[in-house]
Amino acid sequence: MKVYSWGRLSGEPHAVSMLASAGSLPALADGQRALPHGMGRSYGDSCLNPQGTLWKTTALDHYVSFDPESGLLVCEAGVLLRDIQRTFIPRGWILPVTPGTQLVTVGGAIANDVHGKNHHVHGSFGDHVRQLRLLRTDGSVIECGPEQNAEWFAATVGGLGLTGVITQACLQLRPVAGPWMETETCPYHSLDDFFQLADTSEAQWEHTVSWIDCMSGSHSRGIFMRGNPAAADISQPEPAAKALTVPLVPPVSLINPLSLRPFNAAYFHAQARKSGRRIQHYAGYFYPLDNLLEWNRIYGPRGFYQYQSVVPRHVGQDAVAAMLKEITRSGAGSFLAVLKTFGNRQAVGMMSFPQPGVTLALDFPNKGASTLALFQRLDAIVREAGGRLYMAKDARMPRDLFEAGYPRLAEFLNYRDPGLSSALSRRLIGY
């Protein structure tokens, strides 16, 4: 069957098999390679294995145990983050780190070492995994964690499913009073403003992130959002679910320069008028796009790329300014443009994306050669700054930038499962 990644750049034929048991894997024919596959929310080709096999893990969706005293949750790898939040927040426990969508499996969150808005406080998802079970294609089972088979753990967290199939994990949840967030929205009008807000917010606000208008030229205006879990449960009804669905793929992308400039301006002014503090439900704060199902269809039949980089903090402002200048010069644009800072902490995984610095993520409609030419110019800025790109979002990174950005690659390769492969691994590693 044809399988797409979230960017919908191309649908490639795959043999798809549902894993029904956490105890064994289907046999592979000689020369055949498989890849574990959760919800397919990776944007590029890290979750694809064209002409090969995908092992769907979403049926491995059971809770194994939960300790209400310590907050330790043991679950299978196909459990969705959404279901953990819905089950345990009413019991006073929450995931310490969550990405911008809750429609992600636990196994996928570990394999991509996902991050959220609170990296400066709680790091990435892998920082809160206490143990995991890895099933290799040779039938062996490896139990690993920060203190048990630590090298296997470091290779698997952020390892894109290439060290084995994660079948079970033990997660450390953290206490929470309820489902509400105390949030504040602050408009800014320059990169100087953004970095001042980021630096002054980190000590008092657990979650910090910003939307930046990459169509505003040299102004670099945006909306800075910060939040903390509410200290006490709020006595008000939870918002009713209002999810809409994009019903079809339009013949052309609905995101284009003609629509983006007025839309971004309208969005900025609408959010600026709502600046100030308010109480928000966690779902609306963490996962705003989950209210529009299949939103990736709006980019049309050619799909879209996301370009997400991280560069060291000391060169971050100059690098971000240079990237925004290139985007403006190219005539391209992005509505989903996110600018935020990472904390000064090292990642758990050998191949994890987060590092101390500044990360900029932008979605671009696929316009073929012109889009790829823009990315080459952005690559040059990231390369000079000593940064790297996020493999969970990537579909075209050059190998030299990959190798420079992930200096533990050679170490990681010692833990690869020879029976597993992806389009990304073949493109960047060779097998």
Protein backbone atom coordinates (compact mmCIF):
# COMPACT_ATOMS: atom_id res chain seq x y z
CA MET A 1 0.00 0.00 0.00
CA LYS A 2 1.04 3.63 -0.47
CA VAL A 3 2.29 5.29 2.71
CA TYR A 4 2.94 9.00 3.20
CA SER A 5 4.88 10.78 5.89
CA TRP A 6 3.29 13.87 7.42
CA GLY A 7 4.82 16.13 4.78
CA ARG A 8 2.99 14.20 2.03
CA LEU A 9 5.87 14.75 -0.39
CA SER A 10 5.35 11.39 -2.06
CA GLY A 11 3.42 8.21 -1.44
CA GLU A 12 5.61 5.15 -1.73
CA PRO A 13 4.54 1.48 -1.82
CA HIS A 14 5.17 -0.47 1.37
CA ALA A 15 4.27 -3.84 2.79
CA VAL A 16 2.52 -2.97 6.05
CA SER A 17 2.20 -5.45 8.89
CA MET A 18 0.52 -4.80 12.25
CA LEU A 19 2.53 -5.96 15.26
CA ALA A 20 0.03 -7.82 17.41
CA SER A 21 2.46 -8.97 20.09
CA ALA A 22 5.28 -7.31 21.96
CA GLY A 23 7.03 -10.65 22.28
CA SER A 24 8.12 -11.42 18.74
CA LEU A 25 8.64 -9.92 15.30
CA PRO A 26 7.62 -11.34 11.91
CA ALA A 27 10.39 -13.18 10.10
CA LEU A 28 12.24 -11.26 7.41
CA ALA A 29 13.28 -12.84 4.12
CA ASP A 30 16.95 -12.72 3.18
CA GLY A 31 17.91 -9.18 2.28
CA GLN A 32 14.59 -7.74 3.45
CA ARG A 33 14.56 -4.91 5.97
CA ALA A 34 11.74 -3.49 8.04
CA LEU A 35 11.05 -0.34 10.04
CA PRO A 36 8.84 0.22 13.10
CA HIS A 37 6.10 2.76 12.35
CA GLY A 38 3.75 4.47 14.76
CA MET A 39 1.45 7.33 13.76
CA GLY A 40 3.62 8.51 10.87
CA ARG A 41 3.93 12.07 12.21
CA SER A 42 7.53 12.48 11.08
CA TYR A 43 7.53 15.05 8.29
CA GLY A 44 10.19 13.61 5.99
CA ASP A 45 11.44 10.12 5.19
CA SER A 46 12.62 8.88 8.58
CA CYS A 47 9.34 6.94 9.02
CA LEU A 48 9.30 5.48 5.50
CA ASN A 49 10.83 2.31 4.08
CA PRO A 50 9.90 2.35 0.37
CA GLN A 51 9.68 -1.07 -1.29
CA GLY A 52 10.21 -2.55 2.17
CA THR A 53 8.15 -3.43 5.24
CA LEU A 54 6.62 -1.23 7.91
CA TRP A 55 5.75 -2.80 11.24
CA LYS A 56 2.86 -0.81 12.66
CA THR A 57 3.07 -0.54 16.45
CA THR A 58 -0.28 1.12 17.17
CA ALA A 59 -1.89 -2.14 18.35
CA LEU A 60 0.68 -2.30 21.17
CA ASP A 61 -1.48 0.14 23.11
CA HIS A 62 -1.81 -1.29 26.60
CA TYR A 63 -0.88 0.10 29.99
CA VAL A 64 1.17 -2.42 31.96
CA SER A 65 1.36 -0.77 35.39
CA PHE A 66 1.15 2.58 37.16
CA ASP A 67 2.44 3.55 40.59
CA PRO A 68 0.23 6.39 41.93
CA GLU A 69 2.81 7.20 44.60
CA SER A 70 5.83 7.69 42.34
CA GLY A 71 4.16 8.46 39.00
CA LEU A 72 6.00 5.67 37.19
CA LEU A 73 4.02 4.43 34.20
CA VAL A 74 4.90 1.26 32.30
CA CYS A 75 3.15 1.00 28.95
CA GLU A 76 3.51 -0.51 25.50
CA ALA A 77 5.11 1.54 22.78
CA GLY A 78 1.95 2.08 20.72
CA VAL A 79 0.15 4.03 23.45
CA LEU A 80 -0.61 7.58 22.30
CA LEU A 81 0.56 10.59 24.28
CA ARG A 82 -3.03 11.84 24.00
CA ASP A 83 -4.28 8.83 25.93
CA ILE A 84 -1.67 9.21 28.67
CA GLN A 85 -2.66 12.85 29.16
CA ARG A 86 -6.38 12.07 29.20
CA THR A 87 -5.95 9.14 31.58
CA PHE A 88 -3.50 10.54 34.10
CA ILE A 89 -4.00 14.32 34.28
CA PRO A 90 -7.31 13.74 36.13
CA ARG A 91 -5.28 11.59 38.55
CA GLY A 92 -2.75 14.36 39.15
CA TRP A 93 0.06 13.30 36.78
CA ILE A 94 1.23 14.68 33.44
CA LEU A 95 3.92 13.97 30.86
CA PRO A 96 6.91 16.17 31.73
CA VAL A 97 7.67 16.82 28.04
CA THR A 98 5.28 16.80 25.11
CA PRO A 99 5.69 17.88 21.46
CA GLY A 100 3.27 20.05 19.50
CA THR A 101 0.94 17.13 18.77
CA GLN A 102 -0.38 14.51 21.15
CA LEU A 103 -1.14 12.13 18.27
CA VAL A 104 2.24 10.45 18.68
CA THR A 105 3.09 7.03 20.07
CA VAL A 106 5.37 6.55 23.06
CA GLY A 107 7.76 4.59 20.84
CA GLY A 108 7.84 7.40 18.29
CA ALA A 109 8.41 10.00 21.00
CA ILE A 110 11.42 8.04 22.25
CA ALA A 111 12.79 7.21 18.79
CA ASN A 112 12.74 10.91 17.86
CA ASP A 113 13.55 12.16 21.38
CA VAL A 114 10.85 14.79 20.93
CA HIS A 115 10.99 18.12 22.71
CA GLY A 116 8.41 20.66 23.78
CA LYS A 117 8.19 24.23 24.97
CA ASN A 118 9.98 23.52 28.26
CA HIS A 119 13.38 22.20 27.22
CA HIS A 120 15.13 24.74 29.46
CA VAL A 121 13.41 23.14 32.47
CA HIS A 122 12.76 19.48 31.67
CA GLY A 123 14.89 18.64 28.64
CA SER A 124 13.49 16.26 26.03
CA PHE A 125 11.28 13.17 26.17
CA GLY A 126 14.21 10.82 26.68
CA ASP A 127 15.13 12.54 29.94
CA HIS A 128 12.02 10.99 31.51
CA VAL A 129 12.32 7.44 30.20
CA ARG A 130 13.49 5.21 33.05
CA GLN A 131 13.68 1.97 31.09
CA LEU A 132 12.69 0.54 27.74
CA ARG A 133 12.48 -2.86 26.13
CA LEU A 134 14.07 -3.29 22.73
CA LEU A 135 13.24 -6.23 20.46
CA ARG A 136 15.87 -6.92 17.81
CA THR A 137 15.27 -8.63 14.49
CA ASP A 138 17.52 -11.53 15.55
CA GLY A 139 15.01 -12.28 18.33
CA SER A 140 17.10 -10.90 21.19
CA VAL A 141 15.56 -8.63 23.81
CA ILE A 142 17.52 -5.80 25.41
CA GLU A 143 16.34 -4.02 28.54
CA CYS A 144 18.03 -0.66 28.81
CA GLY A 145 17.84 2.63 30.64
CA PRO A 146 20.05 5.40 32.00
CA GLU A 147 21.63 2.96 34.46
CA GLN A 148 21.21 -0.36 32.64
CA ASN A 149 22.83 -0.99 29.27
CA ALA A 150 23.23 2.78 29.12
CA GLU A 151 24.94 2.72 25.73
CA TRP A 152 22.00 0.90 24.17
CA PHE A 153 19.67 3.41 25.78
CA ALA A 154 21.64 6.37 24.43
CA ALA A 155 21.62 4.85 20.94
CA THR A 156 17.88 4.13 21.02
CA VAL A 157 16.67 7.50 22.35
CA GLY A 158 16.67 9.62 19.21
CA GLY A 159 17.79 6.60 17.17
CA LEU A 160 14.83 6.76 14.75
CA GLY A 161 13.83 3.14 15.29
CA LEU A 162 17.06 1.78 13.85
CA THR A 163 18.41 -0.04 16.92
CA GLY A 164 15.41 -2.35 17.31
CA VAL A 165 11.67 -2.18 17.91
CA ILE A 166 10.76 -0.41 21.14
CA THR A 167 7.96 -2.52 22.59
CA GLN A 168 7.61 -1.19 26.14
CA ALA A 169 8.76 1.79 28.18
CA CYS A 170 8.75 3.02 31.76
CA LEU A 171 8.01 6.75 31.93
CA GLN A 172 8.34 9.11 34.86
CA LEU A 173 5.27 11.35 34.98
CA ARG A 174 5.26 14.52 37.08
CA PRO A 175 2.63 15.87 39.49
CA VAL A 176 0.10 18.40 38.21
CA ALA A 177 -2.84 20.11 39.91
CA GLY A 178 -5.17 19.83 36.94
CA PRO A 179 -5.63 20.41 33.21
CA TRP A 180 -5.19 24.20 33.29
CA MET A 181 -2.31 26.47 32.34
CA GLU A 182 -1.57 30.05 33.39
CA THR A 183 -0.38 31.66 30.16
CA GLU A 184 0.77 35.03 28.89
CA THR A 185 0.98 36.31 25.32
CA CYS A 186 3.47 39.06 24.47
CA PRO A 187 3.87 40.61 20.99
CA TYR A 188 7.42 41.48 19.95
CA HIS A 189 8.74 43.60 17.10
CA SER A 190 12.36 42.54 16.60
CA LEU A 191 14.77 39.69 17.24
CA ASP A 192 16.25 41.78 20.05
CA ASP A 193 12.80 41.76 21.66
CA PHE A 194 12.46 38.01 21.19
CA PHE A 195 15.79 37.15 22.79
CA GLN A 196 15.17 39.51 25.69
CA LEU A 197 11.79 37.86 26.30
CA ALA A 198 13.32 34.39 26.02
CA ASP A 199 16.15 35.17 28.42
CA THR A 200 14.00 36.89 31.04
CA SER A 201 11.21 34.30 30.88
CA GLU A 202 13.22 31.15 31.49
CA ALA A 203 13.61 31.63 35.25
CA GLN A 204 9.89 32.08 35.94
CA TRP A 205 8.08 30.33 33.09
CA GLU A 206 8.26 26.60 32.41
CA HIS A 207 7.00 26.80 28.83
CA THR A 208 8.24 29.37 26.32
CA VAL A 209 7.77 29.51 22.55
CA SER A 210 7.07 32.06 19.85
CA TRP A 211 5.43 32.37 16.47
CA ILE A 212 7.42 34.58 14.13
CA ASP A 213 6.10 36.35 11.04
CA CYS A 214 8.71 35.45 8.45
CA MET A 215 6.90 37.66 5.91
CA SER A 216 7.47 40.86 7.89
CA GLY A 217 10.90 41.59 6.43
CA SER A 218 13.44 43.24 8.69
CA HIS A 219 10.87 43.83 11.44
CA SER A 220 10.91 40.18 12.63
CA ARG A 221 7.71 40.65 14.58
CA GLY A 222 6.06 37.79 16.37
CA ILE A 223 4.04 36.53 19.30
CA PHE A 224 5.83 35.19 22.37
CA MET A 225 3.84 32.70 24.46
CA ARG A 226 4.78 31.50 27.91
CA GLY A 227 2.99 29.35 30.44
CA ASN A 228 3.05 27.49 33.72
CA PRO A 229 0.83 24.71 35.01
CA ALA A 230 -1.85 26.30 37.20
CA ALA A 231 -0.86 26.04 40.85
CA ALA A 232 -4.32 24.87 41.92
CA ASP A 233 -7.12 23.19 40.02
CA ILE A 234 -9.40 25.69 38.32
CA SER A 235 -13.12 25.35 38.84
CA GLN A 236 -14.43 25.74 35.32
CA PRO A 237 -15.71 23.32 32.71
CA GLU A 238 -13.27 21.84 30.26
CA PRO A 239 -13.73 23.07 26.68
CA ALA A 240 -15.78 20.87 24.39
CA ALA A 241 -13.87 19.08 21.65
CA LYS A 242 -14.23 21.05 18.42
CA ALA A 243 -11.88 19.27 16.04
CA LEU A 244 -12.45 19.90 12.35
CA THR A 245 -11.04 17.88 9.46
CA VAL A 246 -9.57 19.09 6.18
CA PRO A 247 -11.67 16.79 3.99
CA LEU A 248 -9.52 16.58 0.88
CA VAL A 249 -6.27 17.58 -0.79
CA PRO A 250 -6.87 20.77 -2.82
CA PRO A 251 -5.51 20.88 -6.38
CA VAL A 252 -2.97 23.55 -5.38
CA SER A 253 -1.41 24.62 -2.10
CA LEU A 254 -3.56 27.01 -0.08
CA ILE A 255 -0.34 28.38 1.42
CA ASN A 256 1.29 30.81 -1.01
CA PRO A 257 2.87 34.30 -0.92
CA LEU A 258 -0.38 35.97 -1.97
CA SER A 259 -2.28 34.48 0.96
CA LEU A 260 0.54 34.41 3.51
CA ARG A 261 1.38 38.09 3.83
CA PRO A 262 -2.15 39.29 4.68
CA PHE A 263 -2.86 36.17 6.73
CA ASN A 264 0.29 36.56 8.82
CA ALA A 265 -0.43 40.25 9.35
CA ALA A 266 -4.00 39.52 10.41
CA TYR A 267 -2.83 36.75 12.74
CA PHE A 268 -0.20 38.97 14.36
CA HIS A 269 -2.63 41.81 15.03
CA ALA A 270 -5.35 39.45 16.28
CA GLN A 271 -2.96 37.80 18.75
CA ALA A 272 -1.44 41.13 19.78
CA ARG A 273 -4.91 42.39 20.71
CA LYS A 274 -5.27 39.37 22.99
CA SER A 275 -1.95 39.99 24.73
CA GLY A 276 -1.86 39.48 28.47
CA ARG A 277 -2.52 36.68 30.91
CA ARG A 278 -5.26 34.10 30.82
CA ILE A 279 -6.14 30.56 31.83
CA GLN A 280 -5.97 27.94 29.07
CA HIS A 281 -6.70 24.23 28.92
CA TYR A 282 -3.54 22.20 28.39
CA ALA A 283 -4.79 20.76 25.09
CA GLY A 284 -5.35 24.16 23.51
CA TYR A 285 -1.99 25.44 24.75
CA PHE A 286 0.17 22.44 23.86
CA TYR A 287 -1.64 21.10 20.79
CA PRO A 288 -3.46 23.87 18.89
CA LEU A 289 -3.11 22.15 15.51
CA ASP A 290 -4.69 18.93 16.78
CA ASN A 291 -8.02 20.74 16.48
CA LEU A 292 -7.60 20.67 12.69
CA LEU A 293 -7.24 17.04 11.68
CA GLU A 294 -5.37 16.25 8.45
CA TRP A 295 -4.15 19.85 8.27
CA ASN A 296 -1.19 18.71 6.20
CA ARG A 297 -3.55 18.39 3.22
CA ILE A 298 -3.79 22.17 2.81
CA TYR A 299 -0.39 22.18 1.07
CA GLY A 300 -1.86 20.43 -1.94
CA PRO A 301 -0.78 17.36 -3.90
CA ARG A 302 2.94 18.20 -3.85
CA GLY A 303 3.08 18.31 -0.06
CA PHE A 304 5.42 20.41 2.05
CA TYR A 305 8.78 20.46 3.78
CA GLN A 306 9.56 21.50 7.30
CA TYR A 307 13.00 22.98 7.82
CA GLN A 308 14.00 22.91 11.49
CA SER A 309 17.47 23.85 12.63
CA VAL A 310 19.21 24.51 15.91
CA VAL A 311 22.28 26.75 16.19
CA PRO A 312 24.42 27.62 19.22
CA ARG A 313 23.12 30.47 21.35
CA HIS A 314 26.13 32.76 20.92
CA VAL A 315 25.55 32.94 17.14
CA GLY A 316 21.81 32.37 17.30
CA GLN A 317 20.55 35.88 16.66
CA ASP A 318 22.81 36.45 13.66
CA ALA A 319 22.00 33.03 12.19
CA VAL A 320 18.24 33.46 12.60
CA ALA A 321 18.41 36.94 11.07
CA ALA A 322 20.37 35.58 8.11
CA MET A 323 17.87 32.76 7.55
CA LEU A 324 14.90 35.13 7.69
CA LYS A 325 16.66 37.42 5.22
CA GLU A 326 17.17 34.53 2.79
CA ILE A 327 13.52 33.52 3.12
CA THR A 328 12.37 37.08 2.40
CA ARG A 329 14.73 37.36 -0.55
CA SER A 330 13.46 34.09 -2.01
CA GLY A 331 9.83 35.21 -1.97
CA ALA A 332 8.94 32.06 -0.03
CA GLY A 333 7.12 32.16 3.24
CA SER A 334 5.76 30.11 6.10
CA PHE A 335 2.77 30.49 8.37
CA LEU A 336 3.84 27.75 10.76
CA ALA A 337 7.07 29.44 11.83
CA VAL A 338 8.27 28.68 15.35
CA LEU A 339 11.24 30.28 17.11
CA LYS A 340 12.34 29.19 20.57
CA THR A 341 15.39 28.52 22.69
CA PHE A 342 16.76 25.27 24.08
CA GLY A 343 18.22 25.07 27.56
CA ASN A 344 21.86 24.58 28.46
CA ARG A 345 21.72 20.81 28.81
CA GLN A 346 23.08 17.91 26.82
CA ALA A 347 20.73 15.43 25.18
CA VAL A 348 20.33 11.86 26.38
CA GLY A 349 20.56 10.29 22.94
CA MET A 350 23.58 9.95 20.68
CA MET A 351 21.45 11.18 17.77
CA SER A 352 19.09 13.52 19.63
CA PHE A 353 18.33 16.84 17.99
CA PRO A 354 18.15 19.30 20.93
CA GLN A 355 21.32 21.09 21.93
CA PRO A 356 21.89 24.38 23.77
CA GLY A 357 20.88 27.17 21.43
CA VAL A 358 18.10 28.54 19.27
CA THR A 359 15.76 26.54 17.07
CA LEU A 360 13.77 27.83 14.11
CA ALA A 361 11.14 25.64 12.42
CA LEU A 362 9.37 26.62 9.21
CA ASP A 363 6.92 24.88 6.86
CA PHE A 364 7.27 25.48 3.12
CA PRO A 365 5.03 24.29 0.28
CA ASN A 366 6.95 22.03 -2.06
CA LYS A 367 7.74 24.10 -5.15
CA GLY A 368 10.45 21.82 -6.40
CA ALA A 369 13.80 23.28 -7.42
CA SER A 370 13.21 26.76 -5.98
CA THR A 371 12.39 25.33 -2.54
CA LEU A 372 15.43 23.08 -2.56
CA ALA A 373 17.64 25.98 -3.66
CA LEU A 374 16.42 28.01 -0.69
CA PHE A 375 17.23 25.12 1.63
CA GLN A 376 20.79 24.98 0.29
CA ARG A 377 21.24 28.62 1.26
CA LEU A 378 19.77 27.96 4.70
CA ASP A 379 22.06 24.93 5.04
CA ALA A 380 25.07 27.18 4.49
CA ILE A 381 23.99 29.41 7.37
CA VAL A 382 23.39 26.46 9.70
CA ARG A 383 26.70 24.86 8.68
CA GLU A 384 28.68 28.04 9.34
CA ALA A 385 26.98 28.49 12.71
CA GLY A 386 27.83 24.95 13.82
CA GLY A 387 24.21 23.85 13.98
CA ARG A 388 22.21 20.87 12.79
CA LEU A 389 18.85 19.88 11.31
CA TYR A 390 16.12 17.77 12.91
CA MET A 391 15.95 14.34 11.31
CA ALA A 392 12.29 13.87 12.29
CA LYS A 393 11.46 16.79 10.00
CA ASP A 394 14.02 16.23 7.24
CA ALA A 395 13.56 14.92 3.70
CA ARG A 396 16.64 16.29 1.90
CA MET A 397 19.54 17.15 4.23
CA PRO A 398 22.97 16.79 2.56
CA ARG A 399 25.16 14.10 4.06
CA ASP A 400 28.00 16.45 5.01
CA LEU A 401 25.67 18.60 7.12
CA PHE A 402 24.26 15.47 8.75
CA GLU A 403 27.69 14.11 9.64
CA ALA A 404 28.90 17.46 10.97
CA GLY A 405 25.75 17.98 13.02
CA TYR A 406 25.72 14.53 14.60
CA PRO A 407 29.28 13.84 15.76
CA ARG A 408 28.32 10.60 17.57
CA LEU A 409 27.17 8.94 14.34
CA ALA A 410 30.04 6.44 14.21
CA GLU A 411 29.34 5.41 17.80
CA PHE A 412 25.62 5.05 17.06
CA LEU A 413 26.26 2.73 14.11
CA ASN A 414 27.64 0.10 16.50
CA TYR A 415 24.09 -0.39 17.81
CA ARG A 416 22.16 -0.50 14.52
CA ASP A 417 19.93 -3.47 13.93
CA PRO A 418 20.97 -4.87 10.52
CA GLY A 419 17.38 -5.92 9.86
CA LEU A 420 16.03 -2.37 10.09
CA SER A 421 16.31 0.43 7.55
CA SER A 422 14.54 3.60 6.45
CA ALA A 423 14.59 5.92 3.48
CA LEU A 424 16.45 8.45 5.63
CA SER A 425 19.08 5.96 6.80
CA ARG A 426 19.76 4.88 3.22
CA ARG A 427 19.97 8.50 2.08
CA LEU A 428 22.27 9.71 4.86
CA ILE A 429 24.08 6.59 6.08
CA GLY A 430 24.02 4.37 3.01
CA TYR A 431 21.97 1.42 4.34
